[in-house]
Structure formats: structure tokens, C-alpha cells
PDB file of N, CA and C in Angstrom:
ATOM      1  N   UNK A   1      97.195 129.505 109.345  1.00  0.00           N
ATOM      2  CA  UNK A   1      96.641 129.070 110.587  1.00  0.00           C
ATOM      3  C   UNK A   1      95.083 129.145 110.518  1.00  0.00           C
ATOM      4  N   UNK A   2      94.415 128.333 111.320  1.00  0.00           N
ATOM      5  CA  UNK A   2      92.987 128.473 111.405  1.00  0.00           C
ATOM      6  C   UNK A   2      92.652 128.541 112.917  1.00  0.00           C
ATOM      7  N   UNK A   3      91.852 129.559 113.244  1.00  0.00           N
ATOM      8  CA  UNK A   3      91.521 129.874 114.585  1.00  0.00           C
ATOM      9  C   UNK A   3      90.152 129.301 115.022  1.00  0.00           C
ATOM     10  N   UNK A   4      89.163 129.233 114.203  1.00  0.00           N
ATOM     11  CA  UNK A   4      87.900 128.583 114.425  1.00  0.00           C
ATOM     12  C   UNK A   4      87.397 129.208 115.755  1.00  0.00           C
ATOM     13  N   UNK A   5      87.237 130.530 115.889  1.00  0.00           N
ATOM     14  CA  UNK A   5      86.761 131.197 117.114  1.00  0.00           C
ATOM     15  C   UNK A   5      85.338 131.609 116.981  1.00  0.00           C
ATOM     16  N   UNK A   6      84.618 131.715 118.165  1.00  0.00           N
ATOM     17  CA  UNK A   6      83.309 132.198 118.173  1.00  0.00           C
ATOM     18  C   UNK A   6      83.228 133.430 119.146  1.00  0.00           C
ATOM     19  N   UNK A   7      82.537 134.482 118.662  1.00  0.00           N
ATOM     20  CA  UNK A   7      82.394 135.652 119.462  1.00  0.00           C
ATOM     21  C   UNK A   7      80.890 136.069 119.507  1.00  0.00           C
ATOM     22  N   UNK A   8      80.532 136.743 120.594  1.00  0.00           N
ATOM     23  CA  UNK A   8      79.092 137.145 120.704  1.00  0.00           C
ATOM     24  C   UNK A   8      79.053 138.768 120.731  1.00  0.00           C
ATOM     25  N   UNK A   9      78.192 139.308 119.894  1.00  0.00           N
ATOM     26  CA  UNK A   9      77.987 140.755 119.825  1.00  0.00           C
ATOM     27  C   UNK A   9      76.542 141.111 120.142  1.00  0.00           C
ATOM     28  N   UNK A  10      76.221 142.123 120.818  1.00  0.00           N
ATOM     29  CA  UNK A  10      74.976 142.542 121.202  1.00  0.00           C
ATOM     30  C   UNK A  10      74.266 143.321 120.074  1.00  0.00           C
ATOM     31  N   UNK A  11      75.072 143.958 119.187  1.00  0.00           N
ATOM     32  CA  UNK A  11      74.450 144.636 118.084  1.00  0.00           C
ATOM     33  C   UNK A  11      75.533 144.567 116.911  1.00  0.00           C
ATOM     34  N   UNK A  12      75.030 144.803 115.634  1.00  0.00           N
ATOM     35  CA  UNK A  12      75.920 144.762 114.582  1.00  0.00           C
ATOM     36  C   UNK A  12      77.086 145.721 114.708  1.00  0.00           C
ATOM     37  N   UNK A  13      78.208 145.222 114.247  1.00  0.00           N
ATOM     38  CA  UNK A  13      79.491 145.985 114.414  1.00  0.00           C
ATOM     39  C   UNK A  13      80.417 145.618 113.264  1.00  0.00           C
ATOM     40  N   UNK A  14      81.491 146.280 113.267  1.00  0.00           N
ATOM     41  CA  UNK A  14      82.649 145.861 112.361  1.00  0.00           C
ATOM     42  C   UNK A  14      83.506 144.971 113.086  1.00  0.00           C
ATOM     43  N   UNK A  15      83.907 143.925 112.494  1.00  0.00           N
ATOM     44  CA  UNK A  15      84.961 143.024 113.024  1.00  0.00           C
ATOM     45  C   UNK A  15      86.231 143.366 112.312  1.00  0.00           C
ATOM     46  N   UNK A  16      87.260 143.787 113.210  1.00  0.00           N
ATOM     47  CA  UNK A  16      88.574 144.322 112.632  1.00  0.00           C
ATOM     48  C   UNK A  16      89.607 143.213 112.882  1.00  0.00           C
ATOM     49  N   UNK A  17      90.286 142.800 111.825  1.00  0.00           N
ATOM     50  CA  UNK A  17      91.418 141.833 111.932  1.00  0.00           C
ATOM     51  C   UNK A  17      92.699 142.619 111.791  1.00  0.00           C
ATOM     52  N   UNK A  18      93.595 142.441 112.758  1.00  0.00           N
ATOM     53  CA  UNK A  18      94.919 143.073 112.633  1.00  0.00           C
ATOM     54  C   UNK A  18      95.950 141.865 112.621  1.00  0.00           C
ATOM     55  N   UNK A  19      96.790 141.915 111.644  1.00  0.00           N
ATOM     56  CA  UNK A  19      97.787 140.846 111.473  1.00  0.00           C
ATOM     57  C   UNK A  19      99.167 141.300 111.847  1.00  0.00           C
ATOM     58  N   UNK A  20      99.773 140.502 112.712  1.00  0.00           N
ATOM     59  CA  UNK A  20     101.152 140.859 113.253  1.00  0.00           C
ATOM     60  C   UNK A  20     102.233 139.901 112.760  1.00  0.00           C
ATOM     61  N   UNK A  21     103.416 140.433 112.608  1.00  0.00           N
ATOM     62  CA  UNK A  21     104.641 139.674 112.399  1.00  0.00           C
ATOM     63  C   UNK A  21     105.260 139.408 113.747  1.00  0.00           C
ATOM     64  N   UNK A  22     105.257 138.181 114.162  1.00  0.00           N
ATOM     65  CA  UNK A  22     105.827 137.842 115.482  1.00  0.00           C
ATOM     66  C   UNK A  22     107.315 138.014 115.469  1.00  0.00           C
ATOM     67  N   UNK A  23     107.860 138.775 116.452  1.00  0.00           N
ATOM     68  CA  UNK A  23     109.215 139.012 116.576  1.00  0.00           C
ATOM     69  C   UNK A  23     109.760 138.460 117.952  1.00  0.00           C
ATOM     70  N   UNK A  24     110.594 137.510 117.913  1.00  0.00           N
ATOM     71  CA  UNK A  24     110.970 136.794 119.081  1.00  0.00           C
ATOM     72  C   UNK A  24     111.767 137.727 120.070  1.00  0.00           C
ATOM     73  N   UNK A  25     112.579 138.651 119.495  1.00  0.00           N
ATOM     74  CA  UNK A  25     113.536 139.431 120.354  1.00  0.00           C
ATOM     75  C   UNK A  25     113.169 140.897 120.356  1.00  0.00           C
ATOM     76  N   UNK A  26     112.027 141.284 119.727  1.00  0.00           N
ATOM     77  CA  UNK A  26     111.660 142.700 119.662  1.00  0.00           C
ATOM     78  C   UNK A  26     110.150 142.898 119.745  1.00  0.00           C
ATOM     79  N   UNK A  27     109.718 143.936 119.252  1.00  0.00           N
ATOM     80  CA  UNK A  27     108.234 144.263 119.258  1.00  0.00           C
ATOM     81  C   UNK A  27     107.639 143.540 118.055  1.00  0.00           C
ATOM     82  N   UNK A  28     106.450 143.018 118.232  1.00  0.00           N
ATOM     83  CA  UNK A  28     105.728 142.446 117.124  1.00  0.00           C
ATOM     84  C   UNK A  28     105.266 143.632 116.188  1.00  0.00           C
ATOM     85  N   UNK A  29     105.347 143.449 114.883  1.00  0.00           N
ATOM     86  CA  UNK A  29     105.078 144.476 113.927  1.00  0.00           C
ATOM     87  C   UNK A  29     103.705 144.208 113.226  1.00  0.00           C
ATOM     88  N   UNK A  30     102.821 145.264 113.238  1.00  0.00           N
ATOM     89  CA  UNK A  30     101.605 145.151 112.587  1.00  0.00           C
ATOM     90  C   UNK A  30     101.842 145.100 111.079  1.00  0.00           C
ATOM     91  N   UNK A  31     101.250 144.102 110.377  1.00  0.00           N
ATOM     92  CA  UNK A  31     101.408 143.930 108.954  1.00  0.00           C
ATOM     93  C   UNK A  31     100.282 144.608 108.160  1.00  0.00           C
ATOM     94  N   UNK A  32      99.168 144.940 108.885  1.00  0.00           N
ATOM     95  CA  UNK A  32      98.041 145.525 108.221  1.00  0.00           C
ATOM     96  C   UNK A  32      96.787 145.088 108.902  1.00  0.00           C
ATOM     97  N   UNK A  33      95.622 145.731 108.563  1.00  0.00           N
ATOM     98  CA  UNK A  33      94.331 145.412 109.030  1.00  0.00           C
ATOM     99  C   UNK A  33      93.299 145.184 107.925  1.00  0.00           C
ATOM    100  N   UNK A  34      92.240 144.494 108.276  1.00  0.00           N
ATOM    101  CA  UNK A  34      91.108 144.265 107.338  1.00  0.00           C
ATOM    102  C   UNK A  34      89.850 144.297 108.228  1.00  0.00           C
ATOM    103  N   UNK A  35      88.691 144.649 107.668  1.00  0.00           N
ATOM    104  CA  UNK A  35      87.477 144.639 108.420  1.00  0.00           C
ATOM    105  C   UNK A  35      86.285 144.068 107.697  1.00  0.00           C
ATOM    106  N   UNK A  36      85.358 143.541 108.429  1.00  0.00           N
ATOM    107  CA  UNK A  36      84.082 142.948 107.835  1.00  0.00           C
ATOM    108  C   UNK A  36      82.942 143.644 108.634  1.00  0.00           C
ATOM    109  N   UNK A  37      81.976 144.271 107.934  1.00  0.00           N
ATOM    110  CA  UNK A  37      80.834 144.863 108.599  1.00  0.00           C
ATOM    111  C   UNK A  37      79.779 143.847 108.831  1.00  0.00           C
ATOM    112  N   UNK A  38      79.468 143.592 110.059  1.00  0.00           N
ATOM    113  CA  UNK A  38      78.476 142.535 110.410  1.00  0.00           C
ATOM    114  C   UNK A  38      77.116 142.875 109.864  1.00  0.00           C
ATOM    115  N   UNK A  39      76.833 144.283 109.806  1.00  0.00           N
ATOM    116  CA  UNK A  39      75.558 144.791 109.355  1.00  0.00           C
ATOM    117  C   UNK A  39      75.238 144.408 107.934  1.00  0.00           C
ATOM    118  N   UNK A  40      76.338 144.143 107.136  1.00  0.00           N
ATOM    119  CA  UNK A  40      76.132 143.793 105.738  1.00  0.00           C
ATOM    120  C   UNK A  40      75.955 142.288 105.511  1.00  0.00           C
ATOM    121  N   UNK A  41      76.038 141.446 106.595  1.00  0.00           N
ATOM    122  CA  UNK A  41      75.983 140.022 106.411  1.00  0.00           C
ATOM    123  C   UNK A  41      74.562 139.488 106.548  1.00  0.00           C
ATOM    124  N   UNK A  42      74.306 138.483 105.760  1.00  0.00           N
ATOM    125  CA  UNK A  42      72.946 137.755 105.881  1.00  0.00           C
ATOM    126  C   UNK A  42      73.106 136.697 106.997  1.00  0.00           C
ATOM    127  N   UNK A  43      72.203 136.844 108.020  1.00  0.00           N
ATOM    128  CA  UNK A  43      72.308 135.740 109.110  1.00  0.00           C
ATOM    129  C   UNK A  43      72.323 134.290 108.600  1.00  0.00           C
ATOM    130  N   UNK A  44      73.073 133.530 109.199  1.00  0.00           N
ATOM    131  CA  UNK A  44      73.083 132.066 108.968  1.00  0.00           C
ATOM    132  C   UNK A  44      73.677 131.716 107.533  1.00  0.00           C
ATOM    133  N   UNK A  45      74.275 132.656 106.841  1.00  0.00           N
ATOM    134  CA  UNK A  45      74.849 132.392 105.570  1.00  0.00           C
ATOM    135  C   UNK A  45      76.307 132.845 105.586  1.00  0.00           C
ATOM    136  N   UNK A  46      77.246 131.826 105.478  1.00  0.00           N
ATOM    137  CA  UNK A  46      78.706 132.094 105.529  1.00  0.00           C
ATOM    138  C   UNK A  46      79.185 133.199 104.542  1.00  0.00           C
ATOM    139  N   UNK A  47      79.925 134.121 104.987  1.00  0.00           N
ATOM    140  CA  UNK A  47      80.571 135.131 104.129  1.00  0.00           C
ATOM    141  C   UNK A  47      82.066 134.648 104.171  1.00  0.00           C
ATOM    142  N   UNK A  48      82.585 134.417 102.911  1.00  0.00           N
ATOM    143  CA  UNK A  48      83.984 133.998 102.788  1.00  0.00           C
ATOM    144  C   UNK A  48      84.671 134.836 101.740  1.00  0.00           C
ATOM    145  N   UNK A  49      85.793 135.422 101.983  1.00  0.00           N
ATOM    146  CA  UNK A  49      86.425 136.349 101.179  1.00  0.00           C
ATOM    147  C   UNK A  49      87.833 136.503 101.453  1.00  0.00           C
ATOM    148  N   UNK A  50      88.702 136.886 100.473  1.00  0.00           N
ATOM    149  CA  UNK A  50      90.050 137.409 100.675  1.00  0.00           C
ATOM    150  C   UNK A  50      89.940 138.901 100.925  1.00  0.00           C
ATOM    151  N   UNK A  51      90.371 139.517 101.964  1.00  0.00           N
ATOM    152  CA  UNK A  51      90.402 140.892 102.270  1.00  0.00           C
ATOM    153  C   UNK A  51      91.785 141.501 102.156  1.00  0.00           C
ATOM    154  N   UNK A  52      91.852 142.561 101.398  1.00  0.00           N
ATOM    155  CA  UNK A  52      93.145 143.314 101.197  1.00  0.00           C
ATOM    156  C   UNK A  52      93.566 143.884 102.599  1.00  0.00           C
ATOM    157  N   UNK A  53      94.764 143.754 102.957  1.00  0.00           N
ATOM    158  CA  UNK A  53      95.274 144.390 104.200  1.00  0.00           C
ATOM    159  C   UNK A  53      95.502 145.878 103.971  1.00  0.00           C
ATOM    160  N   UNK A  54      94.802 146.682 104.746  1.00  0.00           N
ATOM    161  CA  UNK A  54      94.982 148.137 104.797  1.00  0.00           C
ATOM    162  C   UNK A  54      96.283 148.452 105.477  1.00  0.00           C
ATOM    163  N   UNK A  55      96.954 149.443 104.986  1.00  0.00           N
ATOM    164  CA  UNK A  55      98.248 149.856 105.651  1.00  0.00           C
ATOM    165  C   UNK A  55      99.425 148.968 105.309  1.00  0.00           C
ATOM    166  N   UNK A  56      99.216 148.156 104.290  1.00  0.00           N
ATOM    167  CA  UNK A  56     100.306 147.250 103.829  1.00  0.00           C
ATOM    168  C   UNK A  56     100.394 147.483 102.267  1.00  0.00           C
ATOM    169  N   UNK A  57     101.690 147.426 101.798  1.00  0.00           N
ATOM    170  CA  UNK A  57     101.814 147.463 100.359  1.00  0.00           C
ATOM    171  C   UNK A  57     101.146 146.327  99.647  1.00  0.00           C
ATOM    172  N   UNK A  58     101.242 145.175 100.139  1.00  0.00           N
ATOM    173  CA  UNK A  58     100.613 143.962  99.584  1.00  0.00           C
ATOM    174  C   UNK A  58     100.189 143.126 100.803  1.00  0.00           C
ATOM    175  N   UNK A  59      99.263 142.134 100.492  1.00  0.00           N
ATOM    176  CA  UNK A  59      98.898 141.231 101.494  1.00  0.00           C
ATOM    177  C   UNK A  59      97.414 141.141 101.561  1.00  0.00           C
ATOM    178  N   UNK A  60      96.952 139.907 101.852  1.00  0.00           N
ATOM    179  CA  UNK A  60      95.527 139.597 101.972  1.00  0.00           C
ATOM    180  C   UNK A  60      95.379 138.684 103.114  1.00  0.00           C
ATOM    181  N   UNK A  61      94.180 138.599 103.691  1.00  0.00           N
ATOM    182  CA  UNK A  61      93.817 137.582 104.664  1.00  0.00           C
ATOM    183  C   UNK A  61      92.437 136.898 104.229  1.00  0.00           C
ATOM    184  N   UNK A  62      92.422 135.684 104.306  1.00  0.00           N
ATOM    185  CA  UNK A  62      91.149 135.036 103.917  1.00  0.00           C
ATOM    186  C   UNK A  62      90.348 134.784 105.188  1.00  0.00           C
ATOM    187  N   UNK A  63      89.097 135.245 105.205  1.00  0.00           N
ATOM    188  CA  UNK A  63      88.224 135.109 106.316  1.00  0.00           C
ATOM    189  C   UNK A  63      86.913 134.351 105.932  1.00  0.00           C
ATOM    190  N   UNK A  64      86.309 133.714 106.870  1.00  0.00           N
ATOM    191  CA  UNK A  64      84.944 133.153 106.701  1.00  0.00           C
ATOM    192  C   UNK A  64      84.220 133.489 108.035  1.00  0.00           C
ATOM    193  N   UNK A  65      83.079 134.240 107.860  1.00  0.00           N
ATOM    194  CA  UNK A  65      82.380 134.668 108.908  1.00  0.00           C
ATOM    195  C   UNK A  65      80.843 134.248 108.777  1.00  0.00           C
ATOM    196  N   UNK A  66      80.293 133.737 109.840  1.00  0.00           N
ATOM    197  CA  UNK A  66      78.932 133.440 109.790  1.00  0.00           C
ATOM    198  C   UNK A  66      78.192 134.182 110.965  1.00  0.00           C
ATOM    199  N   UNK A  67      77.229 134.933 110.605  1.00  0.00           N
ATOM    200  CA  UNK A  67      76.440 135.679 111.642  1.00  0.00           C
ATOM    201  C   UNK A  67      75.274 134.834 112.028  1.00  0.00           C
ATOM    202  N   UNK A  68      75.310 134.263 113.225  1.00  0.00           N
ATOM    203  CA  UNK A  68      74.379 133.318 113.722  1.00  0.00           C
ATOM    204  C   UNK A  68      73.137 134.084 114.396  1.00  0.00           C
ATOM    205  N   UNK A  69      72.016 133.476 114.179  1.00  0.00           N
ATOM    206  CA  UNK A  69      70.756 134.074 114.793  1.00  0.00           C
ATOM    207  C   UNK A  69      69.922 134.738 113.720  1.00  0.00           C
ATOM    208  N   UNK A  70      69.106 135.727 114.157  1.00  0.00           N
ATOM    209  CA  UNK A  70      68.123 136.361 113.358  1.00  0.00           C
ATOM    210  C   UNK A  70      68.646 137.718 112.945  1.00  0.00           C
ATOM    211  N   UNK A  71      68.053 138.173 111.836  1.00  0.00           N
ATOM    212  CA  UNK A  71      68.486 139.525 111.410  1.00  0.00           C
ATOM    213  C   UNK A  71      68.064 140.539 112.413  1.00  0.00           C
ATOM    214  N   UNK A  72      68.830 141.633 112.668  1.00  0.00           N
ATOM    215  CA  UNK A  72      68.450 142.670 113.530  1.00  0.00           C
ATOM    216  C   UNK A  72      67.241 143.440 113.074  1.00  0.00           C
ATOM    217  N   UNK A  73      66.449 143.954 113.971  1.00  0.00           N
ATOM    218  CA  UNK A  73      65.265 144.642 113.566  1.00  0.00           C
ATOM    219  C   UNK A  73      65.571 145.968 112.881  1.00  0.00           C
ATOM    220  N   UNK A  74      64.823 146.433 111.898  1.00  0.00           N
ATOM    221  CA  UNK A  74      65.115 147.690 111.200  1.00  0.00           C
ATOM    222  C   UNK A  74      65.204 148.774 112.220  1.00  0.00           C
ATOM    223  N   UNK A  75      66.059 149.742 112.057  1.00  0.00           N
ATOM    224  CA  UNK A  75      66.164 150.943 112.967  1.00  0.00           C
ATOM    225  C   UNK A  75      64.952 151.770 112.685  1.00  0.00           C
ATOM    226  N   UNK A  76      64.083 151.899 113.770  1.00  0.00           N
ATOM    227  CA  UNK A  76      62.850 152.767 113.595  1.00  0.00           C
ATOM    228  C   UNK A  76      63.113 154.181 113.835  1.00  0.00           C
ATOM    229  N   UNK A  77      64.294 154.519 114.208  1.00  0.00           N
ATOM    230  CA  UNK A  77      64.529 156.004 114.399  1.00  0.00           C
ATOM    231  C   UNK A  77      64.854 156.783 113.071  1.00  0.00           C
ATOM    232  N   UNK A  78      65.017 155.982 111.973  1.00  0.00           N
ATOM    233  CA  UNK A  78      65.306 156.589 110.651  1.00  0.00           C
ATOM    234  C   UNK A  78      64.138 157.194 109.982  1.00  0.00           C
TER     235      UNK A  78
END
């Protein structure tokens, strides 16, 4: 499936994907999770990768993420 979704974040964060097995007559079962750190992305350059599902013996999810806009300002508190 392809979702082609757009989300807006106020600050860099991790985007967590959780994959479920749809169960028509019972509870949907989580197959695993994967995450992408938005802080590690280069703005306006697509990041595409197969991510291993954590919490699963096997499995991967293919993601393509593009951080739109300008790079966040360096943290001056450091």
C-alpha cells in the first residue's frame, strides 16, 4: 500500500511507524515498529530506506520521507 500522507511538526522529532495485522473478528495485532529521526534528515532531500521492524522476528517496511522547509537553527543552549 501507498499512503502518500503529509504531516506538520513544530520541531524535529522521531516518526514512529507501527505495522498491524488486520483481524476481522478479533483484535488487530502489532507486527512491529520502525522509526526515523527527523533531526538526522537533510531538508528538501528525500530519505528512502527499508527499515527493520523492531519487536518482530523478521520484517521490514519501506519508507520515503522528505523534510520540507529550512533546517532547524542550531541549539544555542549547548
